[in-house]
C-alpha cells in the first residue's frame, strides 16, 4: 500500500481541535455550524485554537449555508475574512465558489487564492456541485489550488469511490484529491485501498449532554429541523486515535 496518508479532521470547536491533536491527526478543518455543512468560524475561535494547540489548522471561508453562488456583498465578506484570518497564523483556507451554470467561478476564485497566499488553499465540496467534474478538475489545477475536497459527486465517499479513484489518477501530482464525507473507522481501510488518495478528510464526533440541568421544553433556538439544545457534539480523540494507529 502507498505511504501513510495525511488525515484531516473536520470540526467546529476549540475543544475539538484539542481532541484531534490529542488523537494524533495531521491537520484540522475548523468551521462553525457543521449542521449547515460548515461556515466561517469566529476570529476568537481561531485565535484560541492557535493559542492552545500546535496542529495545522485550515479554516473554512463560507459566509452562509446553501449554495455556492455568492452575491457581491457575500464575496466581500469572504475577502475580509481571509484578510483577518491571515494574521492568526493558520495553515490554510478552504473555500468554493461556483457560477450560476455550475462551473468553478474562475475570476473570483483567483482573487481569493491571490489574497490567501502564501497560505495553503483547499477548494471544498462545492466541487461536487459542478456540472462537469473533469472540467472543474482542470480549472482548479490551472488556478493552482493545493487540494480539492470531494465526495466524488455523490452524497458520500463510498458512493463516489469510482469517480474519486479516477480523479486521483487524472490529478497525479498536479493537485491533491482529498476524499471526504461518510468516511468512518469501519469503511476507511476499504476506501483507502480502493481510492488511493494522499489525504483524507474525516468527521469523527461524539455527543455529550450539555451542562444545563434546567431544560425548558417549549423553547427552541432554531427552526423545526434542528439539533437539540441539550446535546453538544465534539470530536472524539479516541475515534481519531483509532484511525491514526492503523499506520
Protein backbone atom coordinates (compact mmCIF):
# COMPACT_ATOMS: atom_id res chain seq x y z
CA UNK A 1 0.00 0.00 0.00
CA UNK A 2 1.12 3.59 -0.59
CA UNK A 3 2.80 5.71 2.07
CA UNK A 4 0.78 6.90 5.04
CA UNK A 5 -1.88 9.43 4.01
CA UNK A 6 -2.47 12.77 5.68
CA UNK A 7 -5.54 12.71 7.93
CA UNK A 8 -7.55 15.93 8.28
CA UNK A 9 -10.34 16.10 10.85
CA UNK A 10 -13.42 18.24 10.19
CA UNK A 11 -14.63 20.00 13.35
CA UNK A 12 -16.25 23.12 14.79
CA UNK A 13 -14.85 23.98 18.23
CA UNK A 14 -11.62 24.68 20.09
CA UNK A 15 -12.25 21.64 22.27
CA UNK A 16 -12.46 19.52 19.13
CA UNK A 17 -9.19 20.93 17.77
CA UNK A 18 -7.53 19.92 21.05
CA UNK A 19 -9.11 16.46 20.78
CA UNK A 20 -7.95 15.99 17.18
CA UNK A 21 -4.40 16.91 18.16
CA UNK A 22 -4.55 14.54 21.13
CA UNK A 23 -5.75 11.76 18.82
CA UNK A 24 -2.78 12.27 16.52
CA UNK A 25 -4.42 13.89 13.47
CA UNK A 26 -2.19 15.68 11.00
CA UNK A 27 -4.44 18.67 10.36
CA UNK A 28 -7.93 20.03 11.05
CA UNK A 29 -10.51 21.93 9.06
CA UNK A 30 -12.03 24.39 11.52
CA UNK A 31 -15.58 25.53 10.80
CA UNK A 32 -18.66 26.72 12.58
CA UNK A 33 -22.12 25.20 12.14
CA UNK A 34 -21.40 21.80 10.62
CA UNK A 35 -25.18 21.30 10.58
CA UNK A 36 -25.08 23.71 7.60
CA UNK A 37 -22.08 21.91 6.11
CA UNK A 38 -19.56 24.26 7.72
CA UNK A 39 -19.38 28.05 7.87
CA UNK A 40 -16.60 30.51 8.75
CA UNK A 41 -15.71 30.26 12.46
CA UNK A 42 -15.30 33.35 14.63
CA UNK A 43 -11.90 35.00 14.85
CA UNK A 44 -11.96 34.28 18.58
CA UNK A 45 -12.37 30.57 17.93
CA UNK A 46 -9.44 30.53 15.52
CA UNK A 47 -7.14 32.57 17.77
CA UNK A 48 -7.94 30.43 20.80
CA UNK A 49 -7.37 27.21 18.87
CA UNK A 50 -4.00 28.53 17.69
CA UNK A 51 -3.09 29.55 21.23
CA UNK A 52 -3.89 26.14 22.74
CA UNK A 53 -2.62 23.75 20.03
CA UNK A 54 0.23 23.21 17.58
CA UNK A 55 -1.73 21.26 14.96
CA UNK A 56 -2.10 22.66 11.44
CA UNK A 57 -5.42 24.50 11.08
CA UNK A 58 -7.21 25.14 7.80
CA UNK A 59 -10.18 27.49 8.17
CA UNK A 60 -13.46 27.44 6.28
CA UNK A 61 -14.34 30.59 4.33
CA UNK A 62 -18.10 30.34 3.77
CA UNK A 63 -20.39 33.23 4.73
CA UNK A 64 -23.67 31.28 4.76
CA UNK A 65 -25.28 27.91 4.21
CA UNK A 66 -26.96 26.89 0.99
CA UNK A 67 -25.41 27.07 -2.46
CA UNK A 68 -22.00 28.38 -3.56
CA UNK A 69 -23.07 31.17 -5.89
CA UNK A 70 -22.45 34.33 -3.90
CA UNK A 71 -23.60 37.93 -4.11
CA UNK A 72 -21.13 40.81 -4.36
CA UNK A 73 -21.67 41.55 -0.69
CA UNK A 74 -21.05 37.94 0.34
CA UNK A 75 -17.89 37.87 -1.74
CA UNK A 76 -16.64 40.97 0.09
CA UNK A 77 -17.27 39.17 3.39
CA UNK A 78 -15.14 36.25 2.20
CA UNK A 79 -12.28 38.55 1.26
CA UNK A 80 -12.40 40.37 4.59
CA UNK A 81 -12.44 37.07 6.48
CA UNK A 82 -9.32 35.90 4.66
CA UNK A 83 -7.54 39.17 5.43
CA UNK A 84 -8.37 38.87 9.12
CA UNK A 85 -7.50 35.18 9.37
CA UNK A 86 -4.09 35.50 7.70
CA UNK A 87 -2.87 37.33 10.79
CA UNK A 88 -3.75 34.42 13.12
CA UNK A 89 -1.04 32.08 11.84
CA UNK A 90 -3.34 29.45 10.33
CA UNK A 91 -2.07 26.89 7.83
CA UNK A 92 -4.62 27.48 5.10
CA UNK A 93 -8.09 28.46 3.91
CA UNK A 94 -10.94 26.39 2.49
CA UNK A 95 -13.47 27.84 0.06
CA UNK A 96 -15.57 27.14 -3.02
CA UNK A 97 -17.31 29.49 -5.46
CA UNK A 98 -19.41 28.47 -8.46
CA UNK A 99 -21.04 30.27 -11.36
CA UNK A 100 -24.83 30.08 -11.82
CA UNK A 101 -24.40 27.41 -14.53
CA UNK A 102 -22.34 25.10 -12.32
CA UNK A 103 -18.74 25.85 -13.26
CA UNK A 104 -15.91 26.95 -10.98
CA UNK A 105 -16.01 30.75 -10.71
CA UNK A 106 -12.53 31.31 -12.09
CA UNK A 107 -12.32 35.07 -11.61
CA UNK A 108 -13.48 35.16 -8.00
CA UNK A 109 -11.56 32.03 -7.07
CA UNK A 110 -8.37 33.55 -8.46
CA UNK A 111 -8.94 36.67 -6.34
CA UNK A 112 -9.33 34.65 -3.15
CA UNK A 113 -6.31 32.47 -3.90
CA UNK A 114 -4.12 35.53 -4.51
CA UNK A 115 -5.40 37.10 -1.31
CA UNK A 116 -4.78 33.94 0.71
CA UNK A 117 -1.24 33.19 -0.40
CA UNK A 118 1.19 32.06 0.92
CA UNK A 119 -1.37 30.01 2.88
CA UNK A 120 -2.44 26.60 1.64
CA UNK A 121 -5.67 26.63 -0.41
CA UNK A 122 -8.35 23.92 -0.48
CA UNK A 123 -11.37 24.05 -2.81
CA UNK A 124 -14.15 22.35 -0.86
CA UNK A 125 -17.15 20.19 -1.80
CA UNK A 126 -18.59 22.91 -3.99
CA UNK A 127 -16.65 20.76 -6.46
CA UNK A 128 -19.35 18.12 -6.01
CA UNK A 129 -21.97 20.58 -7.23
CA UNK A 130 -20.22 21.33 -10.53
CA UNK A 131 -21.83 20.10 -13.75
CA UNK A 132 -18.62 18.57 -15.12
CA UNK A 133 -16.08 17.19 -12.62
CA UNK A 134 -13.39 16.75 -15.28
CA UNK A 135 -13.60 20.38 -16.39
CA UNK A 136 -13.72 21.52 -12.76
CA UNK A 137 -10.60 19.47 -12.02
CA UNK A 138 -8.64 21.08 -14.83
CA UNK A 139 -9.94 24.55 -13.96
CA UNK A 140 -8.81 24.19 -10.36
CA UNK A 141 -5.43 22.85 -11.41
CA UNK A 142 -4.98 25.89 -13.64
CA UNK A 143 -5.87 28.14 -10.70
CA UNK A 144 -3.18 26.47 -8.60
CA UNK A 145 -5.20 25.24 -5.62
CA UNK A 146 -3.36 22.78 -3.38
CA UNK A 147 -6.19 20.30 -2.88
CA UNK A 148 -9.79 19.51 -3.75
CA UNK A 149 -12.14 18.18 -1.07
CA UNK A 150 -14.72 15.94 -2.71
CA UNK A 151 -17.07 13.01 -2.17
CA UNK A 152 -16.89 12.09 -5.85
CA UNK A 153 -20.07 14.00 -6.76
CA UNK A 154 -22.13 11.63 -4.61
CA UNK A 155 -23.60 12.02 -1.12
CA UNK A 156 -20.73 10.06 0.47
CA UNK A 157 -17.25 8.82 -0.38
CA UNK A 158 -18.29 5.14 -0.57
CA UNK A 159 -20.90 6.08 -3.19
CA UNK A 160 -18.46 8.25 -5.12
CA UNK A 161 -15.43 5.94 -4.81
CA UNK A 162 -15.26 5.09 -8.52
CA UNK A 163 -15.06 8.73 -9.62
CA UNK A 164 -12.70 9.53 -6.73
CA UNK A 165 -10.21 6.88 -7.80
CA UNK A 166 -10.38 8.23 -11.35
CA UNK A 167 -9.84 11.81 -10.16
CA UNK A 168 -6.81 10.72 -8.14
CA UNK A 169 -5.38 9.08 -11.26
CA UNK A 170 -6.12 12.08 -13.50
CA UNK A 171 -4.81 14.61 -10.99
CA UNK A 172 -1.48 12.82 -10.48
CA UNK A 173 0.92 15.21 -8.77
CA UNK A 174 -0.84 18.31 -10.11
CA UNK A 175 -3.30 18.66 -7.23
CA UNK A 176 -4.28 16.63 -4.15
CA UNK A 177 -7.67 14.93 -4.31
CA UNK A 178 -8.89 14.65 -0.70
CA UNK A 179 -11.92 12.36 -0.27
CA UNK A 180 -14.30 13.47 2.45
CA UNK A 181 -17.85 12.82 3.71
CA UNK A 182 -19.06 9.49 5.04
CA UNK A 183 -15.67 8.06 5.98
CA UNK A 184 -15.64 6.12 9.27
CA UNK A 185 -13.45 3.71 11.16
CA UNK A 186 -15.43 0.85 9.59
CA UNK A 187 -15.00 1.80 5.94
CA UNK A 188 -11.75 3.76 5.95
CA UNK A 189 -9.36 0.92 5.12
CA UNK A 190 -11.53 -0.31 2.26
CA UNK A 191 -11.95 3.19 0.81
CA UNK A 192 -8.26 3.96 1.14
CA UNK A 193 -7.35 0.77 -0.71
CA UNK A 194 -9.88 1.48 -3.47
CA UNK A 195 -9.24 5.21 -3.95
CA UNK A 196 -5.52 5.52 -3.18
CA UNK A 197 -5.56 9.21 -2.21
CA UNK A 198 -2.74 11.01 -0.37
CA UNK A 199 -5.07 12.82 2.06
CA UNK A 200 -8.45 12.07 3.67
CA UNK A 201 -10.99 14.32 5.40
CA UNK A 202 -12.94 12.72 8.25
CA UNK A 203 -15.62 13.78 10.74
CA UNK A 204 -15.34 11.75 13.97
CA UNK A 205 -17.78 13.16 16.53
CA UNK A 206 -19.10 12.10 19.88
CA UNK A 207 -22.16 13.51 21.64
CA UNK A 208 -22.38 14.56 25.26
CA UNK A 209 -25.17 16.04 27.29
CA UNK A 210 -24.92 19.76 27.84
CA UNK A 211 -24.09 21.26 31.22
CA UNK A 212 -27.63 22.59 31.51
CA UNK A 213 -29.71 20.96 34.24
CA UNK A 214 -32.80 23.10 33.64
CA UNK A 215 -34.49 22.20 30.33
CA UNK A 216 -37.40 24.43 29.25
CA UNK A 217 -39.01 22.07 26.78
CA UNK A 218 -41.15 24.58 24.90
CA UNK A 219 -38.41 26.97 23.69
CA UNK A 220 -36.17 26.35 20.67
CA UNK A 221 -33.28 28.34 19.24
CA UNK A 222 -33.71 27.07 15.66
CA UNK A 223 -36.45 26.08 13.25
CA UNK A 224 -38.43 22.88 13.08
CA UNK A 225 -35.41 20.99 11.70
CA UNK A 226 -32.94 21.46 14.49
CA UNK A 227 -30.45 19.86 16.81
CA UNK A 228 -31.21 19.51 20.49
CA UNK A 229 -30.11 22.48 22.57
CA UNK A 230 -29.09 19.99 25.24
CA UNK A 231 -26.68 17.82 23.27
CA UNK A 232 -23.15 19.03 22.47
CA UNK A 233 -21.07 17.45 19.69
CA UNK A 234 -17.27 17.38 19.84
CA UNK A 235 -14.52 15.45 18.07
CA UNK A 236 -13.74 12.13 19.74
CA UNK A 237 -9.99 11.78 20.45
CA UNK A 238 -10.39 8.00 20.74
CA UNK A 239 -12.00 7.79 17.30
CA UNK A 240 -9.18 9.88 15.81
CA UNK A 241 -6.66 7.59 17.52
CA UNK A 242 -8.41 4.57 16.05
CA UNK A 243 -7.78 5.90 12.55
CA UNK A 244 -4.22 7.04 13.21
CA UNK A 245 -2.98 3.84 14.86
CA UNK A 246 -3.55 1.98 11.58
CA UNK A 247 -0.42 3.48 10.07
